[in-house]
Amino acid sequence: MINLKKRLGALALAGWMTLSLAACSVPLGDAEVRTGEDGSLVIDAEAIWDETAPDGDAASPETTDPAEDAAPAEDTESLYEYYSTREELLNGIQAGYVFRLDHTFEEEARPTVTGGHWPFQVSGEDTLDLEIQFNHLLPLEEEGLVSGESRVEVRLTSPEGEAVYEYAATGAELEADTDVQETIPLTPGEWDLEISFVFRSAGGDTPAALHISARCQNMTQADQTYLEELRLR
């Protein structure tokens, strides 16, 4: 009877934790919530953004020491979007950027972002300055967590659903230093900027660097306000 009560209590706790995570908008993905042999709650899930861990399986919840592995609260809270703080994001929007990523991977890492969509509104005729720069990126030695194909991809889609610009570097092409600059005319309406990347960084003496930015030359106040509300909601 006591064991039965313990199992029922653990199941109730698992259900409560699942609801709590969903209410906090924490994506569980394919996570499996189960009860361990000792009655503790275990959440099995595969991370798709691995910036600090080297290649290989991440430590399981049972073997991870939170005191050693957990990042300081202030560092975690300071990052708002990718590697930018909330203040950097706002400053970028005020300068006309609809997207800006500029990061150097000092440590061994395997950054993975797929299907990232960054919509923005254009009220009148405008021009988009697009930059794609990277160096010391490496293809994955084995299948990635999300895709087996190492790549950096950028696609710009018009309000009519037409892909007006597409860029893709895959596999060994990532090892070549790259600097792409494009100027693209924009028409009124809502545009979509899609960005995906999957690669490996060796760290050490050859850190990888990735810069992708898209800036409107004449962003209106209305478009700026729209973008701030969309990205900060």
C-alpha atoms as a PDB file:
ATOM      1  CA  MET A   1       0.000   0.000   0.000  1.00  0.00           C
ATOM      2  CA  ILE A   2       2.838   2.398   0.859  1.00  0.00           C
ATOM      3  CA  ASN A   3       4.570   1.690  -2.472  1.00  0.00           C
ATOM      4  CA  LEU A   4       1.301   2.280  -4.299  1.00  0.00           C
ATOM      5  CA  LYS A   5       0.877   5.658  -2.602  1.00  0.00           C
ATOM      6  CA  LYS A   6       4.435   6.602  -3.523  1.00  0.00           C
ATOM      7  CA  ARG A   7       3.843   5.679  -7.186  1.00  0.00           C
ATOM      8  CA  LEU A   8       0.569   7.601  -7.295  1.00  0.00           C
ATOM      9  CA  GLY A   9       2.253  10.592  -5.695  1.00  0.00           C
ATOM     10  CA  ALA A  10       5.095  10.500  -8.222  1.00  0.00           C
ATOM     11  CA  LEU A  11       2.672  10.277 -11.138  1.00  0.00           C
ATOM     12  CA  ALA A  12       0.713  13.213  -9.794  1.00  0.00           C
ATOM     13  CA  LEU A  13       3.930  15.207  -9.441  1.00  0.00           C
ATOM     14  CA  ALA A  14       4.943  14.335 -13.022  1.00  0.00           C
ATOM     15  CA  GLY A  15       1.581  15.528 -14.308  1.00  0.00           C
ATOM     16  CA  TRP A  16       1.823  18.747 -12.288  1.00  0.00           C
ATOM     17  CA  MET A  17       5.356  19.434 -13.587  1.00  0.00           C
ATOM     18  CA  THR A  18       4.252  18.852 -17.183  1.00  0.00           C
ATOM     19  CA  LEU A  19       1.385  21.312 -16.800  1.00  0.00           C
ATOM     20  CA  SER A  20       3.667  23.814 -15.081  1.00  0.00           C
ATOM     21  CA  LEU A  21       6.230  23.656 -17.897  1.00  0.00           C
ATOM     22  CA  ALA A  22       3.524  24.078 -20.505  1.00  0.00           C
ATOM     23  CA  ALA A  23       2.058  27.053 -18.654  1.00  0.00           C
ATOM     24  CA  CYS A  24       5.509  28.695 -18.574  1.00  0.00           C
ATOM     25  CA  SER A  25       5.860  28.200 -22.362  1.00  0.00           C
ATOM     26  CA  VAL A  26       8.835  25.855 -21.956  1.00  0.00           C
ATOM     27  CA  PRO A  27       8.896  23.624 -25.086  1.00  0.00           C
ATOM     28  CA  LEU A  28       8.993  19.988 -24.118  1.00  0.00           C
ATOM     29  CA  GLY A  29       9.257  18.776 -27.741  1.00  0.00           C
ATOM     30  CA  ASP A  30       9.572  15.016 -27.647  1.00  0.00           C
ATOM     31  CA  ALA A  31      10.254  15.022 -23.910  1.00  0.00           C
ATOM     32  CA  GLU A  32       9.157  11.976 -21.928  1.00  0.00           C
ATOM     33  CA  VAL A  33       8.161  12.489 -18.312  1.00  0.00           C
ATOM     34  CA  ARG A  34       8.622   9.344 -16.261  1.00  0.00           C
ATOM     35  CA  THR A  35       9.243   8.174 -12.693  1.00  0.00           C
ATOM     36  CA  GLY A  36      12.660   6.771 -11.802  1.00  0.00           C
ATOM     37  CA  GLU A  37      13.302   3.649  -9.784  1.00  0.00           C
ATOM     38  CA  ASP A  38      13.748   5.744  -6.650  1.00  0.00           C
ATOM     39  CA  GLY A  39      10.420   7.516  -7.207  1.00  0.00           C
ATOM     40  CA  SER A  40      12.058  10.740  -8.481  1.00  0.00           C
ATOM     41  CA  LEU A  41      10.771  12.686 -11.490  1.00  0.00           C
ATOM     42  CA  VAL A  42      12.795  12.289 -14.696  1.00  0.00           C
ATOM     43  CA  ILE A  43      12.294  14.341 -17.890  1.00  0.00           C
ATOM     44  CA  ASP A  44      13.998  12.858 -20.960  1.00  0.00           C
ATOM     45  CA  ALA A  45      14.464  15.272 -23.865  1.00  0.00           C
ATOM     46  CA  GLU A  46      17.087  15.958 -26.530  1.00  0.00           C
ATOM     47  CA  ALA A  47      18.450  19.509 -26.699  1.00  0.00           C
ATOM     48  CA  ILE A  48      18.747  21.076 -30.149  1.00  0.00           C
ATOM     49  CA  TRP A  49      20.870  24.069 -29.091  1.00  0.00           C
ATOM     50  CA  ASP A  50      24.191  22.798 -27.748  1.00  0.00           C
ATOM     51  CA  GLU A  51      26.614  25.685 -27.326  1.00  0.00           C
ATOM     52  CA  THR A  52      28.929  24.466 -24.573  1.00  0.00           C
ATOM     53  CA  ALA A  53      28.853  20.676 -24.531  1.00  0.00           C
ATOM     54  CA  PRO A  54      31.401  18.821 -26.727  1.00  0.00           C
ATOM     55  CA  ASP A  55      30.288  16.242 -29.253  1.00  0.00           C
ATOM     56  CA  GLY A  56      28.742  13.245 -27.570  1.00  0.00           C
ATOM     57  CA  ASP A  57      25.754  12.468 -25.451  1.00  0.00           C
ATOM     58  CA  ALA A  58      24.833  15.068 -22.873  1.00  0.00           C
ATOM     59  CA  ALA A  59      24.761  13.999 -19.248  1.00  0.00           C
ATOM     60  CA  SER A  60      21.455  12.598 -18.108  1.00  0.00           C
ATOM     61  CA  PRO A  61      19.402  14.387 -15.437  1.00  0.00           C
ATOM     62  CA  GLU A  62      20.423  11.684 -12.916  1.00  0.00           C
ATOM     63  CA  THR A  63      24.169  12.329 -13.354  1.00  0.00           C
ATOM     64  CA  THR A  64      24.248  16.103 -13.841  1.00  0.00           C
ATOM     65  CA  ASP A  65      25.362  18.123 -10.835  1.00  0.00           C
ATOM     66  CA  PRO A  66      23.269  21.339 -10.853  1.00  0.00           C
ATOM     67  CA  ALA A  67      25.738  23.086  -8.550  1.00  0.00           C
ATOM     68  CA  GLU A  68      28.526  22.721 -11.137  1.00  0.00           C
ATOM     69  CA  ASP A  69      26.653  22.859 -14.465  1.00  0.00           C
ATOM     70  CA  ALA A  70      23.974  25.503 -13.879  1.00  0.00           C
ATOM     71  CA  ALA A  71      24.815  28.961 -15.307  1.00  0.00           C
ATOM     72  CA  PRO A  72      24.576  31.983 -12.993  1.00  0.00           C
ATOM     73  CA  ALA A  73      21.095  33.499 -12.936  1.00  0.00           C
ATOM     74  CA  GLU A  74      22.238  36.892 -14.190  1.00  0.00           C
ATOM     75  CA  ASP A  75      23.984  35.360 -17.236  1.00  0.00           C
ATOM     76  CA  THR A  76      20.932  33.319 -18.169  1.00  0.00           C
ATOM     77  CA  GLU A  77      18.526  36.225 -17.786  1.00  0.00           C
ATOM     78  CA  SER A  78      20.741  38.635 -19.732  1.00  0.00           C
ATOM     79  CA  LEU A  79      20.407  36.702 -22.994  1.00  0.00           C
ATOM     80  CA  TYR A  80      17.144  37.496 -24.739  1.00  0.00           C
ATOM     81  CA  GLU A  81      17.448  36.304 -28.314  1.00  0.00           C
ATOM     82  CA  TYR A  82      20.169  33.980 -29.556  1.00  0.00           C
ATOM     83  CA  TYR A  83      23.309  35.655 -28.168  1.00  0.00           C
ATOM     84  CA  SER A  84      21.856  39.157 -27.797  1.00  0.00           C
ATOM     85  CA  THR A  85      20.569  40.823 -24.674  1.00  0.00           C
ATOM     86  CA  ARG A  86      17.210  42.566 -24.610  1.00  0.00           C
ATOM     87  CA  GLU A  87      18.956  45.942 -24.735  1.00  0.00           C
ATOM     88  CA  GLU A  88      21.069  44.924 -27.740  1.00  0.00           C
ATOM     89  CA  LEU A  89      17.955  43.689 -29.515  1.00  0.00           C
ATOM     90  CA  LEU A  90      16.119  46.991 -28.943  1.00  0.00           C
ATOM     91  CA  ASN A  91      19.138  49.055 -29.992  1.00  0.00           C
ATOM     92  CA  GLY A  92      19.412  46.998 -33.166  1.00  0.00           C
ATOM     93  CA  ILE A  93      15.744  47.516 -34.058  1.00  0.00           C
ATOM     94  CA  GLN A  94      16.085  51.251 -33.466  1.00  0.00           C
ATOM     95  CA  ALA A  95      19.018  51.217 -35.894  1.00  0.00           C
ATOM     96  CA  GLY A  96      16.857  49.505 -38.531  1.00  0.00           C
ATOM     97  CA  TYR A  97      17.929  45.880 -38.036  1.00  0.00           C
ATOM     98  CA  VAL A  98      15.202  43.291 -38.555  1.00  0.00           C
ATOM     99  CA  PHE A  99      17.736  40.620 -37.600  1.00  0.00           C
ATOM    100  CA  ARG A 100      21.287  40.668 -36.257  1.00  0.00           C
ATOM    101  CA  LEU A 101      23.468  37.790 -35.082  1.00  0.00           C
ATOM    102  CA  ASP A 102      27.159  38.406 -34.450  1.00  0.00           C
ATOM    103  CA  HIS A 103      28.885  35.813 -32.305  1.00  0.00           C
ATOM    104  CA  THR A 104      32.280  34.155 -31.867  1.00  0.00           C
ATOM    105  CA  PHE A 105      32.271  30.612 -30.485  1.00  0.00           C
ATOM    106  CA  GLU A 106      35.309  30.546 -28.205  1.00  0.00           C
ATOM    107  CA  GLU A 107      34.561  27.032 -26.941  1.00  0.00           C
ATOM    108  CA  GLU A 108      33.844  23.751 -28.692  1.00  0.00           C
ATOM    109  CA  ALA A 109      30.196  23.953 -29.754  1.00  0.00           C
ATOM    110  CA  ARG A 110      27.546  22.562 -32.074  1.00  0.00           C
ATOM    111  CA  PRO A 111      25.029  25.397 -32.671  1.00  0.00           C
ATOM    112  CA  THR A 112      21.813  24.237 -34.314  1.00  0.00           C
ATOM    113  CA  VAL A 113      18.891  26.421 -35.403  1.00  0.00           C
ATOM    114  CA  THR A 114      16.400  25.230 -38.004  1.00  0.00           C
ATOM    115  CA  GLY A 115      13.301  26.944 -39.337  1.00  0.00           C
ATOM    116  CA  GLY A 116      13.953  30.294 -37.648  1.00  0.00           C
ATOM    117  CA  HIS A 117      11.454  32.795 -39.086  1.00  0.00           C
ATOM    118  CA  TRP A 118      11.847  36.544 -38.507  1.00  0.00           C
ATOM    119  CA  PRO A 119       8.917  38.441 -40.084  1.00  0.00           C
ATOM    120  CA  PHE A 120       9.007  42.215 -40.457  1.00  0.00           C
ATOM    121  CA  GLN A 121       6.707  44.867 -41.873  1.00  0.00           C
ATOM    122  CA  VAL A 122       7.496  47.418 -44.584  1.00  0.00           C
ATOM    123  CA  SER A 123       5.163  50.413 -44.890  1.00  0.00           C
ATOM    124  CA  GLY A 124       6.662  51.961 -48.020  1.00  0.00           C
ATOM    125  CA  GLU A 125       9.452  51.492 -50.540  1.00  0.00           C
ATOM    126  CA  ASP A 126      12.669  50.511 -48.778  1.00  0.00           C
ATOM    127  CA  THR A 127      15.951  48.642 -49.210  1.00  0.00           C
ATOM    128  CA  LEU A 128      17.395  45.780 -47.163  1.00  0.00           C
ATOM    129  CA  ASP A 129      21.138  45.503 -46.579  1.00  0.00           C
ATOM    130  CA  LEU A 130      21.889  41.813 -46.006  1.00  0.00           C
ATOM    131  CA  GLU A 131      25.260  40.541 -44.725  1.00  0.00           C
ATOM    132  CA  ILE A 132      26.410  36.928 -44.265  1.00  0.00           C
ATOM    133  CA  GLN A 133      29.903  36.425 -42.895  1.00  0.00           C
ATOM    134  CA  PHE A 134      31.550  33.426 -41.252  1.00  0.00           C
ATOM    135  CA  ASN A 135      34.921  31.765 -40.737  1.00  0.00           C
ATOM    136  CA  HIS A 136      36.316  28.607 -39.162  1.00  0.00           C
ATOM    137  CA  LEU A 137      32.970  26.818 -39.303  1.00  0.00           C
ATOM    138  CA  LEU A 138      33.260  23.035 -39.534  1.00  0.00           C
ATOM    139  CA  PRO A 139      30.833  20.430 -40.868  1.00  0.00           C
ATOM    140  CA  LEU A 140      29.516  17.904 -38.389  1.00  0.00           C
ATOM    141  CA  GLU A 141      31.554  14.738 -38.093  1.00  0.00           C
ATOM    142  CA  GLU A 142      28.383  12.721 -37.668  1.00  0.00           C
ATOM    143  CA  GLU A 143      24.648  13.315 -37.885  1.00  0.00           C
ATOM    144  CA  GLY A 144      23.526  16.444 -36.069  1.00  0.00           C
ATOM    145  CA  LEU A 145      20.825  16.556 -33.445  1.00  0.00           C
ATOM    146  CA  VAL A 146      18.264  17.920 -35.916  1.00  0.00           C
ATOM    147  CA  SER A 147      19.740  17.368 -39.352  1.00  0.00           C
ATOM    148  CA  GLY A 148      22.597  15.377 -40.775  1.00  0.00           C
ATOM    149  CA  GLU A 149      23.495  18.170 -43.206  1.00  0.00           C
ATOM    150  CA  SER A 150      25.772  20.936 -41.958  1.00  0.00           C
ATOM    151  CA  ARG A 151      24.708  24.269 -43.416  1.00  0.00           C
ATOM    152  CA  VAL A 152      24.104  27.990 -43.219  1.00  0.00           C
ATOM    153  CA  GLU A 153      20.941  29.049 -45.048  1.00  0.00           C
ATOM    154  CA  VAL A 154      19.209  32.408 -45.493  1.00  0.00           C
ATOM    155  CA  ARG A 155      15.977  32.980 -47.401  1.00  0.00           C
ATOM    156  CA  LEU A 156      13.972  36.189 -47.885  1.00  0.00           C
ATOM    157  CA  THR A 157      10.313  35.825 -48.880  1.00  0.00           C
ATOM    158  CA  SER A 158       8.152  38.662 -50.224  1.00  0.00           C
ATOM    159  CA  PRO A 159       4.589  39.488 -49.067  1.00  0.00           C
ATOM    160  CA  GLU A 160       3.394  37.602 -52.144  1.00  0.00           C
ATOM    161  CA  GLY A 161       5.154  34.427 -50.979  1.00  0.00           C
ATOM    162  CA  GLU A 162       7.971  34.623 -53.535  1.00  0.00           C
ATOM    163  CA  ALA A 163      11.543  33.779 -52.474  1.00  0.00           C
ATOM    164  CA  VAL A 164      13.394  36.874 -53.692  1.00  0.00           C
ATOM    165  CA  TYR A 165      16.758  35.878 -52.216  1.00  0.00           C
ATOM    166  CA  GLU A 166      18.259  32.528 -51.201  1.00  0.00           C
ATOM    167  CA  TYR A 167      21.713  31.646 -49.884  1.00  0.00           C
ATOM    168  CA  ALA A 168      23.027  28.245 -48.845  1.00  0.00           C
ATOM    169  CA  ALA A 169      26.451  26.900 -47.893  1.00  0.00           C
ATOM    170  CA  THR A 170      26.533  23.206 -47.006  1.00  0.00           C
ATOM    171  CA  GLY A 171      29.027  20.583 -45.884  1.00  0.00           C
ATOM    172  CA  ALA A 172      32.645  21.364 -46.711  1.00  0.00           C
ATOM    173  CA  GLU A 173      31.628  24.774 -48.121  1.00  0.00           C
ATOM    174  CA  LEU A 174      31.370  25.982 -44.522  1.00  0.00           C
ATOM    175  CA  GLU A 175      35.152  25.699 -44.098  1.00  0.00           C
ATOM    176  CA  ALA A 176      35.800  28.545 -46.564  1.00  0.00           C
ATOM    177  CA  ASP A 177      35.832  32.081 -45.123  1.00  0.00           C
ATOM    178  CA  THR A 178      32.727  33.793 -46.479  1.00  0.00           C
ATOM    179  CA  ASP A 179      31.634  37.422 -46.859  1.00  0.00           C
ATOM    180  CA  VAL A 180      28.371  38.046 -48.733  1.00  0.00           C
ATOM    181  CA  GLN A 181      26.745  41.474 -48.998  1.00  0.00           C
ATOM    182  CA  GLU A 182      23.485  42.070 -50.839  1.00  0.00           C
ATOM    183  CA  THR A 183      21.185  45.063 -51.321  1.00  0.00           C
ATOM    184  CA  ILE A 184      17.577  44.003 -51.892  1.00  0.00           C
ATOM    185  CA  PRO A 185      14.668  46.330 -52.772  1.00  0.00           C
ATOM    186  CA  LEU A 186      11.574  45.985 -50.559  1.00  0.00           C
ATOM    187  CA  THR A 187       7.925  46.661 -51.346  1.00  0.00           C
ATOM    188  CA  PRO A 188       5.149  47.375 -48.816  1.00  0.00           C
ATOM    189  CA  GLY A 189       3.797  44.399 -46.884  1.00  0.00           C
ATOM    190  CA  GLU A 190       4.999  41.745 -44.440  1.00  0.00           C
ATOM    191  CA  TRP A 191       8.242  40.023 -45.355  1.00  0.00           C
ATOM    192  CA  ASP A 192       9.751  36.856 -43.877  1.00  0.00           C
ATOM    193  CA  LEU A 193      13.437  36.247 -43.209  1.00  0.00           C
ATOM    194  CA  GLU A 194      14.241  32.570 -42.619  1.00  0.00           C
ATOM    195  CA  ILE A 195      17.587  31.566 -41.121  1.00  0.00           C
ATOM    196  CA  SER A 196      18.926  28.080 -40.392  1.00  0.00           C
ATOM    197  CA  PHE A 197      22.373  26.877 -39.420  1.00  0.00           C
ATOM    198  CA  VAL A 198      23.942  23.617 -38.277  1.00  0.00           C
ATOM    199  CA  PHE A 199      27.719  23.459 -37.842  1.00  0.00           C
ATOM    200  CA  ARG A 200      30.546  22.611 -35.468  1.00  0.00           C
ATOM    201  CA  SER A 201      33.122  24.848 -33.793  1.00  0.00           C
ATOM    202  CA  ALA A 202      36.504  23.508 -32.700  1.00  0.00           C
ATOM    203  CA  GLY A 203      37.157  26.357 -30.267  1.00  0.00           C
ATOM    204  CA  GLY A 204      40.655  26.830 -28.879  1.00  0.00           C
ATOM    205  CA  ASP A 205      42.998  28.769 -31.165  1.00  0.00           C
ATOM    206  CA  THR A 206      40.529  28.763 -34.072  1.00  0.00           C
ATOM    207  CA  PRO A 207      37.142  29.920 -32.735  1.00  0.00           C
ATOM    208  CA  ALA A 208      34.295  29.998 -35.217  1.00  0.00           C
ATOM    209  CA  ALA A 209      32.547  33.280 -36.005  1.00  0.00           C
ATOM    210  CA  LEU A 210      29.106  33.774 -37.535  1.00  0.00           C
ATOM    211  CA  HIS A 211      27.550  37.095 -38.544  1.00  0.00           C
ATOM    212  CA  ILE A 212      24.153  37.411 -40.218  1.00  0.00           C
ATOM    213  CA  SER A 213      22.378  40.757 -40.321  1.00  0.00           C
ATOM    214  CA  ALA A 214      19.542  42.385 -42.248  1.00  0.00           C
ATOM    215  CA  ARG A 215      18.982  46.140 -41.955  1.00  0.00           C
ATOM    216  CA  CYS A 216      16.328  48.365 -43.511  1.00  0.00           C
ATOM    217  CA  GLN A 217      17.792  51.621 -44.750  1.00  0.00           C
ATOM    218  CA  ASN A 218      14.626  53.641 -44.061  1.00  0.00           C
ATOM    219  CA  MET A 219      12.591  51.891 -41.362  1.00  0.00           C
ATOM    220  CA  THR A 220       9.561  53.962 -40.360  1.00  0.00           C
ATOM    221  CA  GLN A 221       8.516  54.547 -36.764  1.00  0.00           C
ATOM    222  CA  ALA A 222       5.409  52.423 -37.347  1.00  0.00           C
ATOM    223  CA  ASP A 223       7.494  49.523 -38.669  1.00  0.00           C
ATOM    224  CA  GLN A 224       9.915  49.878 -35.766  1.00  0.00           C
ATOM    225  CA  THR A 225       7.096  49.785 -33.210  1.00  0.00           C
ATOM    226  CA  TYR A 226       5.551  46.779 -34.962  1.00  0.00           C
ATOM    227  CA  LEU A 227       8.878  44.923 -34.850  1.00  0.00           C
ATOM    228  CA  GLU A 228       9.508  45.735 -31.187  1.00  0.00           C
ATOM    229  CA  GLU A 229       6.078  44.486 -30.178  1.00  0.00           C
ATOM    230  CA  LEU A 230       6.485  41.356 -32.267  1.00  0.00           C
ATOM    231  CA  ARG A 231       9.944  40.429 -30.990  1.00  0.00           C
ATOM    232  CA  LEU A 232       9.420  41.344 -27.336  1.00  0.00           C
ATOM    233  CA  ARG A 233       6.002  39.825 -26.781  1.00  0.00           C
END
